[in-house]
Amino acid sequence: MITKEAIIPKYLTDIASSKLFGIISFTMLTAIAAQFTIPAKPVPFTLQTVMVVLAGAFLGARYGAFSQILYLTAGSIGLPIFAQGSFGFMALFGPTGGYLLSFPVAAFITGYLIEKNKSYFFVTLSMLLANVFILLMGTLFLNTFYIKNLYESIKYGVAIFSVWTVVKLFLTINIYYFVKKNRKTA
């Protein structure tokens, strides 16, 4: 009988199951998701938040937040991994800065709530709250530093993303349960 150990050396399975591997993987997945962009002004539509929320869901509060801190750090030091190929420290102070800076906290929120209760309702609630937090922080940042009109900030920071957020939330929940289900059978 061929065992998993005969095919995949133990050190590779140890690496793949390590927290560091998970943190780096979600950092990279967030960077990849940022490149799936639909341009819009002042903030583009992206898939980043799917990975932010999944980082918290799969890695837990602390490690999910670490993966997003690493993502922000990598982009800040010059890797072109933010949406539309933007990079550098100043990207955190552009129109998307509030959204980006909220990523570690959003991953933490998701992970923390799922660690407390893994029911379908709580998983959905945690992912919804994380997305609402991202939108709220992004909108407050837009209002404070760019638009300076609350109505316009809500229009361009939340309202425009409302349907897109629901679609991404549905996608995120389905990815989460698909992976969970297939992880148990593997």
Foldseek 3Di string as FASTA:
>chain_A
DDDPCNVDPPVVVVCCPDLVNLLQVLLVVLLVQLAQWDDDPPDIDTLNLLSLLVLLQPNAQPSSLSSLVVNLVVQQVPQQRHHPSHGHVCVLLGLLVQLSVLSSVLSNQLRHQCVVPVDLVSNLVSSVVSVVNSLVRSLVSCCVPPDVDSVVSCVVRPVVCPVVSVVSSVVSSVVSVVCVVVVVVD
